[in-house]
Amino acid sequence: MDTIALLLAIIGGLNWGLVGLFKFDLVAWLFGGQTALLARVVYILVALSALWCITLLFRKDRPCCGE
């Protein structure tokens, strides 16, 4: 679950980078526009994965540098 969430968060971050740099929404382009059902599903999955990734910051068993 952590890996899937991290991959989706990376996809979302790259998509936002494209929007910021080039005004190009890759997800919308791939799935038929921002209001297309599949694009909206991807946006929702990216948002949920970002929320999941927040939990990675607070886990006691997370690997960290030097610990």
N, C-alpha and C. Protein backbone atom coordinates (compact mmCIF):
# COMPACT_ATOMS: atom_id res chain seq x y z
N MET A 1 0.82 -1.19 0.00
CA MET A 1 0.00 0.00 0.00
C MET A 1 0.87 1.26 0.00
N ASP A 2 1.95 1.23 0.78
CA ASP A 2 2.84 2.39 0.85
C ASP A 2 3.45 2.70 -0.52
N THR A 3 3.86 1.66 -1.22
CA THR A 3 4.50 1.86 -2.53
C THR A 3 3.51 2.42 -3.54
N ILE A 4 2.30 1.90 -3.55
CA ILE A 4 1.27 2.40 -4.47
C ILE A 4 0.96 3.85 -4.16
N ALA A 5 0.80 4.16 -2.89
CA ALA A 5 0.50 5.54 -2.49
C ALA A 5 1.64 6.48 -2.88
N LEU A 6 2.87 6.02 -2.68
CA LEU A 6 4.00 6.87 -3.03
C LEU A 6 4.08 7.09 -4.55
N LEU A 7 3.84 6.05 -5.33
CA LEU A 7 3.85 6.20 -6.78
C LEU A 7 2.76 7.17 -7.26
N LEU A 8 1.57 7.05 -6.70
CA LEU A 8 0.50 7.96 -7.09
C LEU A 8 0.79 9.40 -6.66
N ALA A 9 1.40 9.57 -5.50
CA ALA A 9 1.77 10.91 -5.06
C ALA A 9 2.85 11.51 -5.97
N ILE A 10 3.77 10.69 -6.43
CA ILE A 10 4.79 11.15 -7.36
C ILE A 10 4.15 11.56 -8.68
N ILE A 11 3.23 10.74 -9.18
CA ILE A 11 2.51 11.08 -10.41
C ILE A 11 1.80 12.42 -10.26
N GLY A 12 1.14 12.60 -9.13
CA GLY A 12 0.44 13.87 -8.87
C GLY A 12 1.40 15.04 -8.82
N GLY A 13 2.54 14.84 -8.18
CA GLY A 13 3.54 15.92 -8.10
C GLY A 13 4.10 16.27 -9.47
N LEU A 14 4.38 15.27 -10.27
CA LEU A 14 4.87 15.53 -11.62
C LEU A 14 3.81 16.22 -12.47
N ASN A 15 2.57 15.81 -12.31
CA ASN A 15 1.49 16.45 -13.06
C ASN A 15 1.36 17.92 -12.66
N TRP A 16 1.43 18.22 -11.36
CA TRP A 16 1.37 19.61 -10.91
C TRP A 16 2.56 20.40 -11.42
N GLY A 17 3.72 19.76 -11.49
CA GLY A 17 4.90 20.42 -12.05
C GLY A 17 4.69 20.80 -13.50
N LEU A 18 4.10 19.88 -14.27
CA LEU A 18 3.80 20.18 -15.67
C LEU A 18 2.79 21.31 -15.80
N VAL A 19 1.80 21.32 -14.92
CA VAL A 19 0.80 22.39 -14.94
C VAL A 19 1.47 23.72 -14.62
N GLY A 20 2.32 23.74 -13.61
CA GLY A 20 2.99 24.97 -13.22
C GLY A 20 3.97 25.49 -14.25
N LEU A 21 4.73 24.59 -14.85
CA LEU A 21 5.76 25.01 -15.80
C LEU A 21 5.22 25.28 -17.20
N PHE A 22 4.31 24.42 -17.65
CA PHE A 22 3.90 24.47 -19.05
C PHE A 22 2.39 24.62 -19.28
N LYS A 23 1.63 24.75 -18.18
CA LYS A 23 0.17 24.81 -18.27
C LYS A 23 -0.38 23.59 -19.03
N PHE A 24 0.23 22.43 -18.76
CA PHE A 24 -0.16 21.19 -19.41
C PHE A 24 -0.54 20.16 -18.37
N ASP A 25 -1.80 19.76 -18.35
CA ASP A 25 -2.30 18.76 -17.41
C ASP A 25 -2.27 17.40 -18.09
N LEU A 26 -1.26 16.61 -17.76
CA LEU A 26 -1.06 15.31 -18.40
C LEU A 26 -2.22 14.36 -18.12
N VAL A 27 -2.70 14.35 -16.90
CA VAL A 27 -3.82 13.46 -16.54
C VAL A 27 -5.05 13.81 -17.37
N ALA A 28 -5.37 15.08 -17.46
CA ALA A 28 -6.53 15.51 -18.25
C ALA A 28 -6.32 15.16 -19.72
N TRP A 29 -5.11 15.36 -20.21
CA TRP A 29 -4.82 15.07 -21.61
C TRP A 29 -4.97 13.57 -21.91
N LEU A 30 -4.50 12.74 -20.98
CA LEU A 30 -4.58 11.29 -21.19
C LEU A 30 -6.01 10.75 -21.11
N PHE A 31 -6.81 11.35 -20.25
CA PHE A 31 -8.12 10.77 -19.95
C PHE A 31 -9.31 11.59 -20.42
N GLY A 32 -9.09 12.58 -21.29
CA GLY A 32 -10.21 13.26 -21.91
C GLY A 32 -10.70 14.53 -21.25
N GLY A 33 -9.86 15.22 -20.54
CA GLY A 33 -10.25 16.48 -19.92
C GLY A 33 -10.40 16.36 -18.42
N GLN A 34 -10.35 17.51 -17.75
CA GLN A 34 -10.40 17.52 -16.29
C GLN A 34 -11.72 17.00 -15.73
N THR A 35 -12.78 17.14 -16.48
CA THR A 35 -14.08 16.71 -15.97
C THR A 35 -14.45 15.29 -16.38
N ALA A 36 -13.59 14.63 -17.16
CA ALA A 36 -13.85 13.25 -17.54
C ALA A 36 -13.81 12.36 -16.30
N LEU A 37 -14.66 11.38 -16.27
CA LEU A 37 -14.78 10.51 -15.10
C LEU A 37 -13.46 9.86 -14.73
N LEU A 38 -12.76 9.32 -15.71
CA LEU A 38 -11.49 8.64 -15.41
C LEU A 38 -10.45 9.61 -14.88
N ALA A 39 -10.39 10.81 -15.41
CA ALA A 39 -9.45 11.81 -14.90
C ALA A 39 -9.80 12.17 -13.46
N ARG A 40 -11.07 12.32 -13.18
CA ARG A 40 -11.48 12.65 -11.80
C ARG A 40 -11.13 11.52 -10.85
N VAL A 41 -11.26 10.28 -11.30
CA VAL A 41 -10.88 9.13 -10.46
C VAL A 41 -9.39 9.19 -10.16
N VAL A 42 -8.58 9.49 -11.18
CA VAL A 42 -7.14 9.59 -10.96
C VAL A 42 -6.83 10.72 -9.97
N TYR A 43 -7.47 11.87 -10.13
CA TYR A 43 -7.25 12.98 -9.19
C TYR A 43 -7.60 12.57 -7.75
N ILE A 44 -8.69 11.86 -7.59
CA ILE A 44 -9.11 11.42 -6.26
C ILE A 44 -8.12 10.41 -5.69
N LEU A 45 -7.66 9.48 -6.52
CA LEU A 45 -6.68 8.49 -6.05
C LEU A 45 -5.37 9.16 -5.65
N VAL A 46 -4.96 10.16 -6.40
CA VAL A 46 -3.73 10.89 -6.06
C VAL A 46 -3.91 11.61 -4.73
N ALA A 47 -5.06 12.23 -4.52
CA ALA A 47 -5.32 12.93 -3.25
C ALA A 47 -5.34 11.96 -2.08
N LEU A 48 -5.98 10.82 -2.25
CA LEU A 48 -6.02 9.82 -1.18
C LEU A 48 -4.63 9.26 -0.90
N SER A 49 -3.83 9.09 -1.94
CA SER A 49 -2.48 8.58 -1.73
C SER A 49 -1.63 9.61 -0.99
N ALA A 50 -1.84 10.89 -1.28
CA ALA A 50 -1.11 11.93 -0.55
C ALA A 50 -1.47 11.91 0.93
N LEU A 51 -2.74 11.73 1.21
CA LEU A 51 -3.17 11.60 2.61
C LEU A 51 -2.52 10.40 3.27
N TRP A 52 -2.46 9.29 2.56
CA TRP A 52 -1.84 8.08 3.10
C TRP A 52 -0.35 8.33 3.37
N CYS A 53 0.31 9.06 2.47
CA CYS A 53 1.74 9.32 2.62
C CYS A 53 2.04 10.17 3.85
N ILE A 54 1.07 10.95 4.30
CA ILE A 54 1.26 11.72 5.53
C ILE A 54 1.54 10.78 6.70
N THR A 55 0.89 9.61 6.70
CA THR A 55 1.10 8.66 7.80
C THR A 55 2.53 8.14 7.82
N LEU A 56 3.22 8.17 6.68
CA LEU A 56 4.61 7.71 6.65
C LEU A 56 5.50 8.58 7.53
N LEU A 57 5.14 9.83 7.68
CA LEU A 57 5.94 10.74 8.50
C LEU A 57 5.88 10.41 9.99
N PHE A 58 4.83 9.77 10.43
CA PHE A 58 4.60 9.58 11.86
C PHE A 58 4.74 8.14 12.31
N ARG A 59 5.16 7.26 11.45
CA ARG A 59 5.34 5.86 11.83
C ARG A 59 6.62 5.68 12.62
N LYS A 60 6.54 4.89 13.67
CA LYS A 60 7.69 4.64 14.50
C LYS A 60 8.66 3.67 13.86
N ASP A 61 8.16 2.79 12.98
CA ASP A 61 9.01 1.76 12.38
C ASP A 61 9.60 2.19 11.03
N ARG A 62 9.47 3.47 10.69
CA ARG A 62 9.99 3.93 9.40
C ARG A 62 11.52 3.95 9.43
N PRO A 63 12.12 3.56 8.34
CA PRO A 63 13.60 3.65 8.27
C PRO A 63 14.02 5.12 8.12
N CYS A 64 15.00 5.49 8.87
CA CYS A 64 15.47 6.87 8.80
C CYS A 64 17.00 6.89 8.85
N CYS A 65 17.54 7.92 8.33
CA CYS A 65 19.01 8.05 8.24
C CYS A 65 19.62 8.09 9.62
N GLY A 66 20.54 7.17 9.89
CA GLY A 66 21.31 7.20 11.12
C GLY A 66 20.62 6.65 12.35
N GLU A 67 19.42 6.17 12.26
CA GLU A 67 18.76 5.64 13.46
C GLU A 67 18.88 4.15 13.55
